Every structure is written in C-alpha cells, then in structure tokens.
Amino acid sequence: MAHDDHATPAFRPLNIAVLTVSDTRTAENDKSGDLLAARIAAAGHRVAARALEKDDRYRIRAVISAWIADPAVDAVITTGGTGLTGRDGTPEAVAPLLDKEVQGFGELFRTFSLEDIGTSTLQSRALGGVANGTFVFCLPGSTGACATGWDRILLQQLDARTRPCNFVELIPRLLEK
C-alpha cells in the first residue's frame, strides 16, 4: 500500500501537565490554571498533573524536572512568572532544563498578544522548548495570555492533524541521538 503524504493523521491525545506559578493564587482562585486545564480537556487531551508553586525558581524547576523525567508526560505548560519584576523567574527556572529552545514560540506569542494588549506584550517573556523529549511552554499568568497561547498556538501545534507540520509528529524523534 502506498504511503499518502496528504492523508490526515488521527488525533493523538497527549498527557499535558499544568503548573501555575504565583505567590498569591490558590487552587480555589487559579483561573489561568483552570482555563488551561479546561481547554486541554476540551481539545481531547488529558491533564496529566497539575500543581501550583510560589515564584521560586528552584521549586519551579523541581516540579518541572519531575514531569520531564516522567515518560508519560508529553508536554508541560506553565502560567505565571514570565514578567519583569524581581519575583518573576519562570524563564530562568525553565531555561537550564531545556535541551532546545523553540525560539519562535515566544515571538509568535508576542505577535498575537500585540493584537490584544499592544506594546505591553514586550513585558512577556513567554518561552517554549524541549527538555528530555517533553515540550515545555511558559505563558504569562493572565487568563487572556493563557487563552492566546492555547487558542492561537498550542491547540494547533499539539494536534497531529495540523498541517503542514506540528509538534506531535516530532515526539517520537525528540530523543534521537
């Protein structure tokens, strides 16, 4: 049987972990984490784990390290801690864990965000990359930013049916040597 390069692959549900980074939010009022979890599930994926950590780079790194060490977790999405204040340290926590940065992720996020918040998007340090075969994406903490990141980028890139290419089709090859 000939391989059809134009055939649409089947949807592949992913296991996605969500980390909210905040000094003030609790599980009861974590609207951004709730938004991401709801949209992940609505898209047909599974919320593999969910946590809330203070703005402490070592605690953030510990949670994400455990998730990227778990072969059952395909992707990690963080919300919060991407700003410019002294307490914002999510990119600094995550960057040392990355094997490769997906530089276009932050650029594309800020391009879409520009439509909603204008030049204030400069204050976002959204980040994406791959660590130990797991995709990791860091989004700002507002619900609007989480909606932009999920709806405009991650929904499509975490769906094997997106053409011409997507992150899902790369998963089997991320650990190649």
C-alpha atoms as a PDB file:
ATOM      1  CA  MET A   1       0.000   0.000   0.000  1.00  0.00           C
ATOM      2  CA  ALA A   2       1.447   3.391  -0.988  1.00  0.00           C
ATOM      3  CA  HIS A   3       2.004   5.975   1.700  1.00  0.00           C
ATOM      4  CA  ASP A   4      -0.199   9.040   1.204  1.00  0.00           C
ATOM      5  CA  ASP A   5       1.666  12.132   2.424  1.00  0.00           C
ATOM      6  CA  HIS A   6      -1.571  14.107   2.250  1.00  0.00           C
ATOM      7  CA  ALA A   7      -3.631  11.810   4.463  1.00  0.00           C
ATOM      8  CA  THR A   8      -4.726  13.412   7.703  1.00  0.00           C
ATOM      9  CA  PRO A   9      -3.310  11.513  10.668  1.00  0.00           C
ATOM     10  CA  ALA A  10      -5.537  10.505  13.550  1.00  0.00           C
ATOM     11  CA  PHE A  11      -5.821  12.730  16.598  1.00  0.00           C
ATOM     12  CA  ARG A  12      -3.404  11.661  19.335  1.00  0.00           C
ATOM     13  CA  PRO A  13      -4.379  12.689  22.864  1.00  0.00           C
ATOM     14  CA  LEU A  14      -1.407  13.980  24.815  1.00  0.00           C
ATOM     15  CA  ASN A  15      -0.705  13.966  28.538  1.00  0.00           C
ATOM     16  CA  ILE A  16      -0.155  17.603  29.481  1.00  0.00           C
ATOM     17  CA  ALA A  17       0.910  18.857  32.911  1.00  0.00           C
ATOM     18  CA  VAL A  18      -0.051  22.371  34.073  1.00  0.00           C
ATOM     19  CA  LEU A  19       1.951  24.426  36.572  1.00  0.00           C
ATOM     20  CA  THR A  20       0.683  27.737  37.914  1.00  0.00           C
ATOM     21  CA  VAL A  21       3.428  29.969  39.295  1.00  0.00           C
ATOM     22  CA  SER A  22       2.133  32.548  41.760  1.00  0.00           C
ATOM     23  CA  ASP A  23       2.739  33.957  45.218  1.00  0.00           C
ATOM     24  CA  THR A  24      -0.925  34.910  45.599  1.00  0.00           C
ATOM     25  CA  ARG A  25      -3.092  32.320  43.860  1.00  0.00           C
ATOM     26  CA  THR A  26      -4.555  29.231  45.436  1.00  0.00           C
ATOM     27  CA  ALA A  27      -6.192  26.148  43.945  1.00  0.00           C
ATOM     28  CA  GLU A  28      -9.541  27.823  44.610  1.00  0.00           C
ATOM     29  CA  ASN A  29      -8.810  31.013  42.618  1.00  0.00           C
ATOM     30  CA  ASP A  30      -6.395  29.797  39.935  1.00  0.00           C
ATOM     31  CA  LYS A  31      -8.401  30.990  36.936  1.00  0.00           C
ATOM     32  CA  SER A  32      -5.493  30.689  34.492  1.00  0.00           C
ATOM     33  CA  GLY A  33      -4.717  27.112  35.504  1.00  0.00           C
ATOM     34  CA  ASP A  34      -8.431  26.305  35.335  1.00  0.00           C
ATOM     35  CA  LEU A  35      -8.655  27.811  31.844  1.00  0.00           C
ATOM     36  CA  LEU A  36      -5.711  25.771  30.576  1.00  0.00           C
ATOM     37  CA  ALA A  37      -6.968  22.548  32.163  1.00  0.00           C
ATOM     38  CA  ALA A  38     -10.438  23.060  30.683  1.00  0.00           C
ATOM     39  CA  ARG A  39      -9.117  23.801  27.197  1.00  0.00           C
ATOM     40  CA  ILE A  40      -6.696  20.883  27.306  1.00  0.00           C
ATOM     41  CA  ALA A  41      -9.574  18.537  28.164  1.00  0.00           C
ATOM     42  CA  ALA A  42     -11.935  20.140  25.623  1.00  0.00           C
ATOM     43  CA  ALA A  43      -9.341  19.534  22.903  1.00  0.00           C
ATOM     44  CA  GLY A  44      -9.316  15.826  23.777  1.00  0.00           C
ATOM     45  CA  HIS A  45      -6.033  15.743  25.690  1.00  0.00           C
ATOM     46  CA  ARG A  46      -5.502  14.643  29.304  1.00  0.00           C
ATOM     47  CA  VAL A  47      -4.349  16.813  32.197  1.00  0.00           C
ATOM     48  CA  ALA A  48      -1.566  14.525  33.405  1.00  0.00           C
ATOM     49  CA  ALA A  49      -0.781  16.587  36.501  1.00  0.00           C
ATOM     50  CA  ARG A  50      -1.481  19.982  37.943  1.00  0.00           C
ATOM     51  CA  ALA A  51       0.405  21.993  40.552  1.00  0.00           C
ATOM     52  CA  LEU A  52       0.730  25.478  41.977  1.00  0.00           C
ATOM     53  CA  GLU A  53       4.115  26.782  43.139  1.00  0.00           C
ATOM     54  CA  LYS A  54       5.382  30.049  44.554  1.00  0.00           C
ATOM     55  CA  ASP A  55       7.662  32.262  42.458  1.00  0.00           C
ATOM     56  CA  ASP A  56      10.790  30.344  43.448  1.00  0.00           C
ATOM     57  CA  ARG A  57      12.976  29.148  40.610  1.00  0.00           C
ATOM     58  CA  TYR A  58      14.185  26.056  42.457  1.00  0.00           C
ATOM     59  CA  ARG A  59      10.690  24.895  43.396  1.00  0.00           C
ATOM     60  CA  ILE A  60       9.504  25.555  39.845  1.00  0.00           C
ATOM     61  CA  ARG A  61      12.475  23.658  38.462  1.00  0.00           C
ATOM     62  CA  ALA A  62      11.861  20.718  40.817  1.00  0.00           C
ATOM     63  CA  VAL A  63       8.244  20.290  39.699  1.00  0.00           C
ATOM     64  CA  ILE A  64       9.066  20.590  36.008  1.00  0.00           C
ATOM     65  CA  SER A  65      12.086  18.287  36.382  1.00  0.00           C
ATOM     66  CA  ALA A  66       9.858  15.571  37.823  1.00  0.00           C
ATOM     67  CA  TRP A  67       7.412  15.958  34.954  1.00  0.00           C
ATOM     68  CA  ILE A  68      10.041  15.909  32.205  1.00  0.00           C
ATOM     69  CA  ALA A  69      11.563  12.802  33.819  1.00  0.00           C
ATOM     70  CA  ASP A  70       8.182  11.058  33.569  1.00  0.00           C
ATOM     71  CA  PRO A  71       7.883   9.397  30.137  1.00  0.00           C
ATOM     72  CA  ALA A  72       4.085   9.554  30.443  1.00  0.00           C
ATOM     73  CA  VAL A  73       4.114  13.399  30.280  1.00  0.00           C
ATOM     74  CA  ASP A  74       4.224  14.713  26.705  1.00  0.00           C
ATOM     75  CA  ALA A  75       4.091  18.438  27.432  1.00  0.00           C
ATOM     76  CA  VAL A  76       4.225  20.919  30.301  1.00  0.00           C
ATOM     77  CA  ILE A  77       2.522  24.310  30.279  1.00  0.00           C
ATOM     78  CA  THR A  78       3.293  26.878  32.943  1.00  0.00           C
ATOM     79  CA  THR A  79       1.333  30.038  33.624  1.00  0.00           C
ATOM     80  CA  GLY A  80       2.783  32.962  35.542  1.00  0.00           C
ATOM     81  CA  GLY A  81       6.179  34.303  36.475  1.00  0.00           C
ATOM     82  CA  THR A  82       7.134  35.493  32.987  1.00  0.00           C
ATOM     83  CA  GLY A  83       7.117  39.228  33.681  1.00  0.00           C
ATOM     84  CA  LEU A  84       9.934  41.597  34.579  1.00  0.00           C
ATOM     85  CA  THR A  85       9.571  42.036  38.332  1.00  0.00           C
ATOM     86  CA  GLY A  86      12.119  40.721  40.783  1.00  0.00           C
ATOM     87  CA  ARG A  87       9.858  37.786  41.705  1.00  0.00           C
ATOM     88  CA  ASP A  88       9.221  36.728  38.086  1.00  0.00           C
ATOM     89  CA  GLY A  89      11.612  33.853  37.455  1.00  0.00           C
ATOM     90  CA  THR A  90       9.838  31.162  35.462  1.00  0.00           C
ATOM     91  CA  PRO A  91      12.016  31.586  32.331  1.00  0.00           C
ATOM     92  CA  GLU A  92      15.150  31.456  34.492  1.00  0.00           C
ATOM     93  CA  ALA A  93      13.861  28.318  36.214  1.00  0.00           C
ATOM     94  CA  VAL A  94      12.981  26.571  32.959  1.00  0.00           C
ATOM     95  CA  ALA A  95      15.764  27.633  30.572  1.00  0.00           C
ATOM     96  CA  PRO A  96      18.505  25.498  32.187  1.00  0.00           C
ATOM     97  CA  LEU A  97      16.289  22.419  31.791  1.00  0.00           C
ATOM     98  CA  LEU A  98      15.782  22.869  28.046  1.00  0.00           C
ATOM     99  CA  ASP A  99      17.745  20.825  25.552  1.00  0.00           C
ATOM    100  CA  LYS A 100      16.458  23.062  22.764  1.00  0.00           C
ATOM    101  CA  GLU A 101      14.544  26.318  22.769  1.00  0.00           C
ATOM    102  CA  VAL A 102      11.667  26.812  20.330  1.00  0.00           C
ATOM    103  CA  GLN A 103      12.512  30.463  19.771  1.00  0.00           C
ATOM    104  CA  GLY A 104       9.556  31.099  17.512  1.00  0.00           C
ATOM    105  CA  PHE A 105       7.118  30.276  20.320  1.00  0.00           C
ATOM    106  CA  GLY A 106       7.786  33.443  22.318  1.00  0.00           C
ATOM    107  CA  GLU A 107       7.986  35.515  19.160  1.00  0.00           C
ATOM    108  CA  LEU A 108       4.670  34.206  17.850  1.00  0.00           C
ATOM    109  CA  PHE A 109       3.012  34.590  21.249  1.00  0.00           C
ATOM    110  CA  ARG A 110       4.054  38.247  21.435  1.00  0.00           C
ATOM    111  CA  THR A 111       2.858  38.826  17.854  1.00  0.00           C
ATOM    112  CA  PHE A 112      -0.616  37.527  18.712  1.00  0.00           C
ATOM    113  CA  SER A 113      -0.606  39.269  22.092  1.00  0.00           C
ATOM    114  CA  LEU A 114       0.170  42.591  20.395  1.00  0.00           C
ATOM    115  CA  GLU A 115      -3.344  42.499  18.920  1.00  0.00           C
ATOM    116  CA  ASP A 116      -4.860  42.364  22.418  1.00  0.00           C
ATOM    117  CA  ILE A 117      -2.567  44.373  24.684  1.00  0.00           C
ATOM    118  CA  GLY A 118      -0.484  46.488  22.325  1.00  0.00           C
ATOM    119  CA  THR A 119       3.117  47.175  23.129  1.00  0.00           C
ATOM    120  CA  SER A 120       2.665  45.873  26.685  1.00  0.00           C
ATOM    121  CA  THR A 121       3.421  42.492  25.110  1.00  0.00           C
ATOM    122  CA  LEU A 122       7.099  43.475  25.417  1.00  0.00           C
ATOM    123  CA  GLN A 123       6.825  42.641  29.110  1.00  0.00           C
ATOM    124  CA  SER A 124       6.044  38.989  28.356  1.00  0.00           C
ATOM    125  CA  ARG A 125       8.902  36.541  28.380  1.00  0.00           C
ATOM    126  CA  ALA A 126       6.888  33.607  27.009  1.00  0.00           C
ATOM    127  CA  LEU A 127       9.192  30.683  26.348  1.00  0.00           C
ATOM    128  CA  GLY A 128       8.993  27.309  24.652  1.00  0.00           C
ATOM    129  CA  GLY A 129      11.363  24.398  24.297  1.00  0.00           C
ATOM    130  CA  VAL A 130      12.087  20.712  24.588  1.00  0.00           C
ATOM    131  CA  ALA A 131      13.521  19.021  27.681  1.00  0.00           C
ATOM    132  CA  ASN A 132      14.196  15.282  27.798  1.00  0.00           C
ATOM    133  CA  GLY A 133      11.738  14.659  24.976  1.00  0.00           C
ATOM    134  CA  THR A 134       8.988  16.737  26.624  1.00  0.00           C
ATOM    135  CA  PHE A 135       7.669  20.020  25.256  1.00  0.00           C
ATOM    136  CA  VAL A 136       7.678  22.851  27.804  1.00  0.00           C
ATOM    137  CA  PHE A 137       5.809  26.136  27.303  1.00  0.00           C
ATOM    138  CA  CYS A 138       5.815  29.111  29.668  1.00  0.00           C
ATOM    139  CA  LEU A 139       2.889  31.514  29.381  1.00  0.00           C
ATOM    140  CA  PRO A 140       2.145  34.700  31.316  1.00  0.00           C
ATOM    141  CA  GLY A 141      -0.250  34.425  34.241  1.00  0.00           C
ATOM    142  CA  SER A 142      -3.313  36.262  32.945  1.00  0.00           C
ATOM    143  CA  THR A 143      -6.283  34.316  31.624  1.00  0.00           C
ATOM    144  CA  GLY A 144      -6.099  36.369  28.434  1.00  0.00           C
ATOM    145  CA  ALA A 145      -2.489  35.343  27.877  1.00  0.00           C
ATOM    146  CA  CYS A 146      -3.320  31.691  28.546  1.00  0.00           C
ATOM    147  CA  ALA A 147      -6.214  31.867  26.087  1.00  0.00           C
ATOM    148  CA  THR A 148      -3.958  33.449  23.461  1.00  0.00           C
ATOM    149  CA  GLY A 149      -1.200  30.889  23.970  1.00  0.00           C
ATOM    150  CA  TRP A 150      -3.555  27.917  23.887  1.00  0.00           C
ATOM    151  CA  ASP A 151      -6.076  29.046  21.261  1.00  0.00           C
ATOM    152  CA  ARG A 152      -3.669  30.663  18.815  1.00  0.00           C
ATOM    153  CA  ILE A 153      -0.612  28.378  19.084  1.00  0.00           C
ATOM    154  CA  LEU A 154      -0.747  25.289  21.271  1.00  0.00           C
ATOM    155  CA  LEU A 155      -4.179  23.996  20.236  1.00  0.00           C
ATOM    156  CA  GLN A 156      -2.916  23.590  16.677  1.00  0.00           C
ATOM    157  CA  GLN A 157       0.675  22.583  17.363  1.00  0.00           C
ATOM    158  CA  LEU A 158      -0.348  19.925  19.892  1.00  0.00           C
ATOM    159  CA  ASP A 159      -2.717  18.346  17.352  1.00  0.00           C
ATOM    160  CA  ALA A 160      -1.298  15.732  14.956  1.00  0.00           C
ATOM    161  CA  ARG A 161      -3.874  16.743  12.340  1.00  0.00           C
ATOM    162  CA  THR A 162      -2.392  20.239  11.904  1.00  0.00           C
ATOM    163  CA  ARG A 163      -0.709  20.602   8.541  1.00  0.00           C
ATOM    164  CA  PRO A 164       1.868  21.092   7.176  1.00  0.00           C
ATOM    165  CA  CYS A 165       3.557  20.151  10.453  1.00  0.00           C
ATOM    166  CA  ASN A 166       3.054  20.107  14.207  1.00  0.00           C
ATOM    167  CA  PHE A 167       4.865  19.318  17.455  1.00  0.00           C
ATOM    168  CA  VAL A 168       3.093  15.970  17.937  1.00  0.00           C
ATOM    169  CA  GLU A 169       4.693  14.348  14.915  1.00  0.00           C
ATOM    170  CA  LEU A 170       8.108  15.225  16.354  1.00  0.00           C
ATOM    171  CA  ILE A 171       7.559  13.483  19.716  1.00  0.00           C
ATOM    172  CA  PRO A 172       8.887  10.056  18.594  1.00  0.00           C
ATOM    173  CA  ARG A 173      12.092  11.734  17.357  1.00  0.00           C
ATOM    174  CA  LEU A 174      12.841  14.163  20.188  1.00  0.00           C
ATOM    175  CA  LEU A 175      15.266  11.843  21.953  1.00  0.00           C
ATOM    176  CA  GLU A 176      17.219  10.827  18.838  1.00  0.00           C
ATOM    177  CA  LYS A 177      20.990  10.866  19.147  1.00  0.00           C
END
